[in-house]
Amino acid sequence: MNRILLAFRCFFNILFHGALSAGVLGVLQLARREAAPGPKGTPPSGPARTPADGALQILAILQRDSRLVDFLMEDIASYSDEQVGAAVRELHDQCRDSMGRHFALQPVIDGVEGTPVKAPLGDSRVVRFIGNVPATPPPGGILRHKGWRAVKVDLPVLAATEDAAMIAPAEIEIE
């Protein structure tokens, strides 16, 4: 009879708490095993995540939503400019929609390209001077590119079993 009660205690411990209680572990003469510490946010049992995983994830999203990788890997030399232009217009719309779902971007300098601007003060990493740059950078110049800054990134969390290097699986049609 004790074994049946112990089995019920184990069952309900797992059902409601996801683990056996200290009392049940003691009766069974078991010790709780601690998980090996992994990098912050990475489950101990999953693959180690690398900085490249985010880039690969973005590439996979753009492939899924717009077939960007297919377009870039295809040799388009034999197509006319009109055919390429038509394909790029659709690709542009799909990529833009996908980017808008996962990122919020804003210009570093909100100005008109080709006009004089002052460089933002404080962070030298937000502006790159180009052209005939003196030893001491000037306070401003002609804006050639306004730059972009991500103000929001909303990428789905990669599952522990997900292979970030898998951009798109092969597709086989069954007839």
Protein backbone atom coordinates (compact mmCIF):
# COMPACT_ATOMS: atom_id res chain seq x y z
CA MET A 1 0.00 0.00 0.00
CA ASN A 2 2.91 2.36 0.70
CA ARG A 3 4.18 1.98 -2.86
CA ILE A 4 0.82 3.00 -4.29
CA LEU A 5 0.72 6.11 -2.09
CA LEU A 6 4.32 6.91 -3.05
CA ALA A 7 3.45 6.50 -6.74
CA PHE A 8 0.51 8.91 -6.35
CA ARG A 9 2.72 11.43 -4.53
CA CYS A 10 5.29 11.22 -7.34
CA PHE A 11 2.60 11.56 -10.01
CA PHE A 12 0.98 14.62 -8.43
CA ASN A 13 4.36 16.24 -7.62
CA ILE A 14 5.32 15.99 -11.28
CA LEU A 15 1.85 17.01 -12.50
CA PHE A 16 1.51 20.14 -10.36
CA HIS A 17 5.11 21.15 -9.65
CA GLY A 18 7.13 19.69 -12.53
CA ALA A 19 9.55 17.99 -10.13
CA LEU A 20 9.61 15.66 -7.16
CA SER A 21 9.42 17.26 -3.73
CA ALA A 22 12.30 17.03 -1.26
CA GLY A 23 10.22 14.63 0.90
CA VAL A 24 9.60 12.22 -1.98
CA LEU A 25 13.28 12.40 -3.01
CA GLY A 26 14.25 11.52 0.57
CA VAL A 27 11.91 8.52 0.70
CA LEU A 28 13.30 7.29 -2.63
CA GLN A 29 16.86 7.98 -1.42
CA LEU A 30 17.54 10.22 -4.41
CA ALA A 31 19.31 13.58 -4.64
CA ARG A 32 18.33 16.45 -6.90
CA ARG A 33 20.86 16.90 -9.68
CA GLU A 34 21.69 20.52 -10.55
CA ALA A 35 21.87 21.53 -14.22
CA ALA A 36 25.23 22.64 -15.56
CA PRO A 37 25.29 26.43 -15.87
CA GLY A 38 25.18 27.68 -19.46
CA PRO A 39 25.48 31.13 -21.03
CA LYS A 40 22.80 33.56 -19.92
CA GLY A 41 19.50 32.77 -21.63
CA THR A 42 20.72 29.45 -23.08
CA PRO A 43 19.20 26.27 -21.72
CA PRO A 44 21.88 23.85 -20.48
CA SER A 45 20.62 21.05 -22.77
CA GLY A 46 20.45 23.15 -25.97
CA PRO A 47 23.20 24.00 -28.42
CA ALA A 48 25.49 26.89 -27.56
CA ARG A 49 24.26 30.03 -29.29
CA THR A 50 26.65 32.32 -31.18
CA PRO A 51 26.42 35.92 -32.40
CA ALA A 52 25.98 34.57 -35.94
CA ASP A 53 22.69 32.93 -34.96
CA GLY A 54 20.81 36.25 -35.04
CA ALA A 55 22.15 37.08 -38.52
CA LEU A 56 21.23 33.62 -39.77
CA GLN A 57 17.78 33.97 -38.23
CA ILE A 58 17.23 37.27 -40.08
CA LEU A 59 18.40 35.66 -43.32
CA ALA A 60 15.99 32.75 -42.76
CA ILE A 61 13.11 35.18 -42.12
CA LEU A 62 13.86 37.10 -45.32
CA GLN A 63 14.08 33.82 -47.25
CA ARG A 64 10.79 32.58 -45.80
CA ASP A 65 8.92 35.85 -46.41
CA SER A 66 10.38 36.94 -49.76
CA ARG A 67 12.75 34.25 -51.09
CA LEU A 68 15.62 36.76 -50.86
CA VAL A 69 18.34 34.08 -50.78
CA ASP A 70 16.89 32.40 -53.88
CA PHE A 71 16.96 35.73 -55.71
CA LEU A 72 20.53 36.58 -54.65
CA MET A 73 21.87 33.11 -55.48
CA GLU A 74 20.32 33.07 -58.96
CA ASP A 75 22.39 34.19 -61.96
CA ILE A 76 20.30 37.04 -63.40
CA ALA A 77 22.68 37.98 -66.26
CA SER A 78 20.43 36.35 -68.87
CA TYR A 79 17.28 38.25 -67.79
CA SER A 80 16.26 41.59 -69.26
CA ASP A 81 16.28 44.76 -67.16
CA GLU A 82 12.47 44.76 -67.27
CA GLN A 83 12.29 41.22 -65.88
CA VAL A 84 14.79 42.00 -63.11
CA GLY A 85 13.00 45.26 -62.31
CA ALA A 86 9.64 43.51 -61.97
CA ALA A 87 11.14 40.84 -59.70
CA VAL A 88 12.94 43.41 -57.56
CA ARG A 89 9.79 45.50 -57.05
CA GLU A 90 7.93 42.53 -55.54
CA LEU A 91 11.01 41.41 -53.57
CA HIS A 92 11.46 44.94 -52.19
CA ASP A 93 7.86 45.08 -50.95
CA GLN A 94 8.10 41.65 -49.28
CA CYS A 95 11.46 42.39 -47.62
CA ARG A 96 10.25 45.78 -46.40
CA ASP A 97 7.12 44.22 -44.85
CA SER A 98 9.24 41.53 -43.16
CA MET A 99 11.70 44.09 -41.79
CA GLY A 100 8.80 46.18 -40.48
CA ARG A 101 7.41 43.18 -38.57
CA HIS A 102 10.71 42.49 -36.78
CA PHE A 103 12.48 45.87 -36.54
CA ALA A 104 11.74 49.52 -35.89
CA LEU A 105 14.38 51.68 -37.59
CA GLN A 106 14.98 55.39 -37.48
CA PRO A 107 17.56 57.61 -39.19
CA VAL A 108 20.67 58.61 -37.23
CA ILE A 109 20.44 62.11 -38.73
CA ASP A 110 16.95 63.05 -39.86
CA GLY A 111 17.94 65.38 -42.67
CA VAL A 112 17.88 65.68 -46.43
CA GLU A 113 20.79 63.97 -48.15
CA GLY A 114 22.96 66.44 -50.08
CA THR A 115 22.41 69.30 -47.60
CA PRO A 116 24.81 70.69 -44.92
CA VAL A 117 24.38 69.22 -41.42
CA LYS A 118 26.08 69.33 -38.03
CA ALA A 119 27.44 66.04 -36.69
CA PRO A 120 25.72 64.80 -33.51
CA LEU A 121 27.85 65.43 -30.43
CA GLY A 122 28.86 62.80 -27.92
CA ASP A 123 29.18 59.52 -29.78
CA SER A 124 31.79 59.31 -32.53
CA ARG A 125 30.43 55.92 -33.63
CA VAL A 126 27.19 57.35 -35.07
CA VAL A 127 28.90 59.32 -37.85
CA ARG A 128 31.60 58.30 -40.33
CA PHE A 129 33.27 61.19 -42.10
CA ILE A 130 34.12 60.49 -45.75
CA GLY A 131 36.01 62.39 -48.42
CA ASN A 132 38.91 64.73 -47.65
CA VAL A 133 38.82 64.37 -43.84
CA PRO A 134 41.35 66.44 -41.83
CA ALA A 135 43.18 65.02 -38.78
CA THR A 136 40.62 66.64 -36.49
CA PRO A 137 37.10 65.92 -37.76
CA PRO A 138 35.03 69.03 -38.51
CA PRO A 139 31.74 69.82 -36.74
CA GLY A 140 29.73 68.92 -39.84
CA GLY A 141 29.61 68.58 -43.60
CA ILE A 142 27.34 67.48 -46.44
CA LEU A 143 24.97 64.63 -45.51
CA ARG A 144 25.55 61.76 -47.96
CA HIS A 145 23.70 59.04 -46.02
CA LYS A 146 21.44 59.58 -43.03
CA GLY A 147 22.36 56.23 -41.40
CA TRP A 148 20.02 53.87 -39.59
CA ARG A 149 19.57 52.86 -35.96
CA ALA A 150 17.42 50.01 -34.67
CA VAL A 151 15.11 51.26 -31.92
CA LYS A 152 13.24 47.95 -31.58
CA VAL A 153 14.15 44.37 -32.44
CA ASP A 154 11.48 41.71 -32.16
CA LEU A 155 12.90 38.39 -33.35
CA PRO A 156 11.33 35.13 -32.23
CA VAL A 157 13.32 33.13 -29.68
CA LEU A 158 15.20 30.24 -31.27
CA ALA A 159 14.14 26.89 -29.84
CA ALA A 160 16.90 24.90 -28.14
CA THR A 161 16.64 22.23 -30.82
CA GLU A 162 16.49 24.67 -33.75
CA ASP A 163 19.53 24.80 -36.05
CA ALA A 164 20.17 28.47 -36.81
CA ALA A 165 22.30 27.55 -39.85
CA MET A 166 19.25 26.02 -41.56
CA ILE A 167 18.12 28.99 -43.65
CA ALA A 168 15.44 27.08 -45.58
CA PRO A 169 14.77 23.37 -45.88
CA ALA A 170 14.70 21.73 -49.28
CA GLU A 171 11.19 21.22 -50.62
CA ILE A 172 10.14 17.96 -52.27
CA GLU A 173 6.71 17.74 -53.83
CA ILE A 174 4.84 14.45 -53.68
CA GLU A 175 2.62 13.88 -56.73
